Amino acid sequence: MATFSPVYPAVHRLLAGVLMASMALLVSSCGSGRKSCYPVTGTITVDGKPAVDCMILFYSSDPADHDGPNRVLPLAMTDENGKFKLSTFESGDGAPAGDYAVTFTWRERSGLLKSQFDGPDRLKGKYATKELSGKTVTIEKKPQDLPTFELKTK
């Protein structure tokens, strides 16, 4: 049985920082050298119901995408219907074409105003790493609406 690890909240804060840093680099570099992105949307369900506020991350299989100012780490958070729109360099821009491993964390809202996502992962870490998730996708050079990711808590 998986147990809650205090590392996950730190990972979420780190990923948010990476996203903000990527956007800042985009503005300062005027997009030079970055890969073209294609709109990517989809839906996540858990036990057959829309997963509200579920975080999805795409990890590129291309080692060149892992470091540097044009690092590629597409991510999104689902809306009230379990739908998401990927962002890589700017909000909603999608993802570069290529193969990706996909991970999911579904944190309970926390904090005084329930505006933070530091609560326990309702998926119990089952999909939190590339190795555990086992989910992969190929992004093509065109807009894509991915098939629904159907996750289970058990």
C-alpha atoms as a PDB file:
ATOM      1  CA  MET A   1       0.000   0.000   0.000  1.00  0.00           C
ATOM      2  CA  ALA A   2       1.391   3.411  -0.956  1.00  0.00           C
ATOM      3  CA  THR A   3       1.872   5.962   1.762  1.00  0.00           C
ATOM      4  CA  PHE A   4       1.792   9.725   1.586  1.00  0.00           C
ATOM      5  CA  SER A   5       5.176  11.288   1.034  1.00  0.00           C
ATOM      6  CA  PRO A   6       5.919  14.900   1.976  1.00  0.00           C
ATOM      7  CA  VAL A   7       8.025  15.114  -1.209  1.00  0.00           C
ATOM      8  CA  TYR A   8       4.980  15.509  -3.494  1.00  0.00           C
ATOM      9  CA  PRO A   9       3.993  19.037  -2.310  1.00  0.00           C
ATOM     10  CA  ALA A  10       7.571  20.156  -2.903  1.00  0.00           C
ATOM     11  CA  VAL A  11       7.442  18.634  -6.396  1.00  0.00           C
ATOM     12  CA  HIS A  12       4.254  20.581  -7.193  1.00  0.00           C
ATOM     13  CA  ARG A  13       5.852  23.839  -6.031  1.00  0.00           C
ATOM     14  CA  LEU A  14       8.961  23.032  -8.082  1.00  0.00           C
ATOM     15  CA  LEU A  15       6.872  22.326 -11.186  1.00  0.00           C
ATOM     16  CA  ALA A  16       4.963  25.577 -10.761  1.00  0.00           C
ATOM     17  CA  GLY A  17       8.316  27.360 -10.484  1.00  0.00           C
ATOM     18  CA  VAL A  18       9.579  25.619 -13.615  1.00  0.00           C
ATOM     19  CA  LEU A  19       6.465  26.725 -15.494  1.00  0.00           C
ATOM     20  CA  MET A  20       6.901  30.333 -14.378  1.00  0.00           C
ATOM     21  CA  ALA A  21      10.623  30.268 -15.201  1.00  0.00           C
ATOM     22  CA  SER A  22       9.825  28.840 -18.635  1.00  0.00           C
ATOM     23  CA  MET A  23       7.367  31.652 -19.285  1.00  0.00           C
ATOM     24  CA  ALA A  24       9.897  34.250 -18.129  1.00  0.00           C
ATOM     25  CA  LEU A  25      12.518  32.757 -20.429  1.00  0.00           C
ATOM     26  CA  LEU A  26      10.035  32.856 -23.272  1.00  0.00           C
ATOM     27  CA  VAL A  27       9.447  36.564 -22.792  1.00  0.00           C
ATOM     28  CA  SER A  28      13.150  37.375 -22.424  1.00  0.00           C
ATOM     29  CA  SER A  29      14.307  35.235 -25.338  1.00  0.00           C
ATOM     30  CA  CYS A  30      11.443  36.129 -27.692  1.00  0.00           C
ATOM     31  CA  GLY A  31      11.004  32.407 -28.352  1.00  0.00           C
ATOM     32  CA  SER A  32      14.350  31.902 -30.112  1.00  0.00           C
ATOM     33  CA  GLY A  33      15.294  28.245 -30.466  1.00  0.00           C
ATOM     34  CA  ARG A  34      12.189  26.827 -28.855  1.00  0.00           C
ATOM     35  CA  LYS A  35      10.235  24.005 -30.465  1.00  0.00           C
ATOM     36  CA  SER A  36       6.870  24.599 -32.102  1.00  0.00           C
ATOM     37  CA  CYS A  37       3.886  23.539 -30.004  1.00  0.00           C
ATOM     38  CA  TYR A  38       0.613  22.013 -31.126  1.00  0.00           C
ATOM     39  CA  PRO A  39      -2.635  22.384 -29.151  1.00  0.00           C
ATOM     40  CA  VAL A  40      -3.332  19.338 -26.981  1.00  0.00           C
ATOM     41  CA  THR A  41      -6.521  18.799 -25.001  1.00  0.00           C
ATOM     42  CA  GLY A  42      -8.021  15.848 -23.201  1.00  0.00           C
ATOM     43  CA  THR A  43     -10.039  14.556 -20.276  1.00  0.00           C
ATOM     44  CA  ILE A  44      -9.126  12.682 -17.108  1.00  0.00           C
ATOM     45  CA  THR A  45     -11.592  10.518 -15.224  1.00  0.00           C
ATOM     46  CA  VAL A  46     -11.075   8.689 -11.941  1.00  0.00           C
ATOM     47  CA  ASP A  47     -13.322   5.726 -11.241  1.00  0.00           C
ATOM     48  CA  GLY A  48     -15.545   6.869 -14.117  1.00  0.00           C
ATOM     49  CA  LYS A  49     -16.041  10.449 -12.880  1.00  0.00           C
ATOM     50  CA  PRO A  50     -14.345  13.704 -14.020  1.00  0.00           C
ATOM     51  CA  ALA A  51     -11.166  14.368 -12.019  1.00  0.00           C
ATOM     52  CA  VAL A  52     -11.377  18.018 -10.934  1.00  0.00           C
ATOM     53  CA  ASP A  53      -7.987  19.694 -10.230  1.00  0.00           C
ATOM     54  CA  CYS A  54      -5.914  16.710 -11.384  1.00  0.00           C
ATOM     55  CA  MET A  55      -2.370  17.595 -12.514  1.00  0.00           C
ATOM     56  CA  ILE A  56      -0.996  15.937 -15.641  1.00  0.00           C
ATOM     57  CA  LEU A  57       2.663  16.132 -16.717  1.00  0.00           C
ATOM     58  CA  PHE A  58       4.237  15.023 -19.998  1.00  0.00           C
ATOM     59  CA  TYR A  59       7.894  13.879 -19.913  1.00  0.00           C
ATOM     60  CA  SER A  60       9.589  13.954 -23.318  1.00  0.00           C
ATOM     61  CA  SER A  61      11.495  10.870 -24.460  1.00  0.00           C
ATOM     62  CA  ASP A  62      14.020  13.178 -26.191  1.00  0.00           C
ATOM     63  CA  PRO A  63      17.001  13.769 -23.834  1.00  0.00           C
ATOM     64  CA  ALA A  64      17.605  17.162 -25.494  1.00  0.00           C
ATOM     65  CA  ASP A  65      14.295  18.338 -24.011  1.00  0.00           C
ATOM     66  CA  HIS A  66      15.315  17.707 -20.395  1.00  0.00           C
ATOM     67  CA  ASP A  67      17.651  20.645 -19.697  1.00  0.00           C
ATOM     68  CA  GLY A  68      18.428  24.177 -20.722  1.00  0.00           C
ATOM     69  CA  PRO A  69      16.406  27.323 -21.311  1.00  0.00           C
ATOM     70  CA  ASN A  70      14.036  25.616 -23.755  1.00  0.00           C
ATOM     71  CA  ARG A  71      13.259  22.681 -21.465  1.00  0.00           C
ATOM     72  CA  VAL A  72      10.105  20.845 -22.503  1.00  0.00           C
ATOM     73  CA  LEU A  73       7.709  19.869 -19.678  1.00  0.00           C
ATOM     74  CA  PRO A  74       4.102  20.174 -20.865  1.00  0.00           C
ATOM     75  CA  LEU A  75       1.613  20.252 -18.003  1.00  0.00           C
ATOM     76  CA  ALA A  76      -1.979  21.059 -17.162  1.00  0.00           C
ATOM     77  CA  MET A  77      -4.572  21.048 -14.399  1.00  0.00           C
ATOM     78  CA  THR A  78      -8.069  19.750 -15.120  1.00  0.00           C
ATOM     79  CA  ASP A  79     -11.177  21.903 -14.845  1.00  0.00           C
ATOM     80  CA  GLU A  80     -14.518  21.056 -13.193  1.00  0.00           C
ATOM     81  CA  ASN A  81     -15.311  18.650 -16.065  1.00  0.00           C
ATOM     82  CA  GLY A  82     -11.974  16.818 -15.920  1.00  0.00           C
ATOM     83  CA  LYS A  83     -10.816  18.552 -19.113  1.00  0.00           C
ATOM     84  CA  PHE A  84      -7.310  19.943 -19.624  1.00  0.00           C
ATOM     85  CA  LYS A  85      -5.356  22.052 -22.105  1.00  0.00           C
ATOM     86  CA  LEU A  86      -1.576  21.501 -22.107  1.00  0.00           C
ATOM     87  CA  SER A  87       0.913  24.328 -21.633  1.00  0.00           C
ATOM     88  CA  THR A  88       4.649  24.194 -22.368  1.00  0.00           C
ATOM     89  CA  PHE A  89       6.087  27.679 -22.953  1.00  0.00           C
ATOM     90  CA  GLU A  90       2.934  29.748 -22.426  1.00  0.00           C
ATOM     91  CA  SER A  91      -0.586  29.104 -21.203  1.00  0.00           C
ATOM     92  CA  GLY A  92      -2.522  26.754 -23.474  1.00  0.00           C
ATOM     93  CA  ASP A  93       0.129  26.558 -26.213  1.00  0.00           C
ATOM     94  CA  GLY A  94       0.125  22.733 -26.229  1.00  0.00           C
ATOM     95  CA  ALA A  95       3.194  20.537 -26.614  1.00  0.00           C
ATOM     96  CA  PRO A  96       5.969  19.932 -29.144  1.00  0.00           C
ATOM     97  CA  ALA A  97       5.568  16.871 -31.365  1.00  0.00           C
ATOM     98  CA  GLY A  98       7.134  13.712 -29.942  1.00  0.00           C
ATOM     99  CA  ASP A  99       6.733  10.803 -27.574  1.00  0.00           C
ATOM    100  CA  TYR A 100       5.945  11.362 -23.897  1.00  0.00           C
ATOM    101  CA  ALA A 101       5.504   9.442 -20.660  1.00  0.00           C
ATOM    102  CA  VAL A 102       2.524  10.816 -18.723  1.00  0.00           C
ATOM    103  CA  THR A 103       2.070  11.166 -14.949  1.00  0.00           C
ATOM    104  CA  PHE A 104      -0.870  12.236 -12.803  1.00  0.00           C
ATOM    105  CA  THR A 105      -1.306  13.555  -9.270  1.00  0.00           C
ATOM    106  CA  TRP A 106      -4.683  14.435  -7.805  1.00  0.00           C
ATOM    107  CA  ARG A 107      -4.046  16.394  -4.647  1.00  0.00           C
ATOM    108  CA  GLU A 108      -6.721  17.443  -2.217  1.00  0.00           C
ATOM    109  CA  ARG A 109      -7.009  21.198  -1.829  1.00  0.00           C
ATOM    110  CA  SER A 110      -5.472  22.489   1.376  1.00  0.00           C
ATOM    111  CA  GLY A 111      -4.806  25.688   3.278  1.00  0.00           C
ATOM    112  CA  LEU A 112      -7.096  28.157   4.961  1.00  0.00           C
ATOM    113  CA  LEU A 113      -8.891  29.123   1.734  1.00  0.00           C
ATOM    114  CA  LYS A 114      -8.454  25.709   0.064  1.00  0.00           C
ATOM    115  CA  SER A 115      -6.359  27.377  -2.634  1.00  0.00           C
ATOM    116  CA  GLN A 116      -3.260  25.187  -2.265  1.00  0.00           C
ATOM    117  CA  PHE A 117      -2.707  21.649  -3.527  1.00  0.00           C
ATOM    118  CA  ASP A 118      -0.553  20.248  -0.722  1.00  0.00           C
ATOM    119  CA  GLY A 119      -3.074  17.666   0.476  1.00  0.00           C
ATOM    120  CA  PRO A 120      -2.699  13.924   0.034  1.00  0.00           C
ATOM    121  CA  ASP A 121      -2.708  12.463  -3.469  1.00  0.00           C
ATOM    122  CA  ARG A 122      -6.133  10.865  -3.886  1.00  0.00           C
ATOM    123  CA  LEU A 123      -4.496   8.450  -6.354  1.00  0.00           C
ATOM    124  CA  LYS A 124      -2.056   7.392  -3.577  1.00  0.00           C
ATOM    125  CA  GLY A 125       0.963   7.899  -5.858  1.00  0.00           C
ATOM    126  CA  LYS A 126      -0.249   5.170  -8.221  1.00  0.00           C
ATOM    127  CA  TYR A 127       0.356   7.370 -11.315  1.00  0.00           C
ATOM    128  CA  ALA A 128       2.898   9.854  -9.889  1.00  0.00           C
ATOM    129  CA  THR A 129       6.007   8.547 -11.677  1.00  0.00           C
ATOM    130  CA  LYS A 130       6.718   7.498 -15.243  1.00  0.00           C
ATOM    131  CA  GLU A 131       7.461   3.965 -14.057  1.00  0.00           C
ATOM    132  CA  LEU A 132       4.243   3.597 -12.056  1.00  0.00           C
ATOM    133  CA  SER A 133       1.924   5.357 -14.500  1.00  0.00           C
ATOM    134  CA  GLY A 134       2.760   3.318 -17.576  1.00  0.00           C
ATOM    135  CA  LYS A 135       0.845   5.876 -19.679  1.00  0.00           C
ATOM    136  CA  THR A 136       2.422   7.178 -22.890  1.00  0.00           C
ATOM    137  CA  VAL A 137       1.276   9.391 -25.760  1.00  0.00           C
ATOM    138  CA  THR A 138       2.601  10.573 -29.096  1.00  0.00           C
ATOM    139  CA  ILE A 139       1.959  14.211 -29.960  1.00  0.00           C
ATOM    140  CA  GLU A 140       1.709  14.841 -33.682  1.00  0.00           C
ATOM    141  CA  LYS A 141       2.327  18.058 -35.620  1.00  0.00           C
ATOM    142  CA  LYS A 142      -1.351  19.010 -35.481  1.00  0.00           C
ATOM    143  CA  PRO A 143      -3.974  19.905 -32.853  1.00  0.00           C
ATOM    144  CA  GLN A 144      -5.035  16.844 -30.862  1.00  0.00           C
ATOM    145  CA  ASP A 145      -7.810  15.903 -28.488  1.00  0.00           C
ATOM    146  CA  LEU A 146      -6.381  12.873 -26.695  1.00  0.00           C
ATOM    147  CA  PRO A 147      -8.484   9.854 -25.714  1.00  0.00           C
ATOM    148  CA  THR A 148      -9.749  10.039 -22.123  1.00  0.00           C
ATOM    149  CA  PHE A 149      -7.240   8.996 -19.465  1.00  0.00           C
ATOM    150  CA  GLU A 150      -9.258   6.610 -17.292  1.00  0.00           C
ATOM    151  CA  LEU A 151      -7.589   6.311 -13.868  1.00  0.00           C
ATOM    152  CA  LYS A 152      -8.618   4.210 -10.880  1.00  0.00           C
ATOM    153  CA  THR A 153      -8.148   4.737  -7.152  1.00  0.00           C
ATOM    154  CA  LYS A 154      -8.027   0.971  -6.469  1.00  0.00           C
END
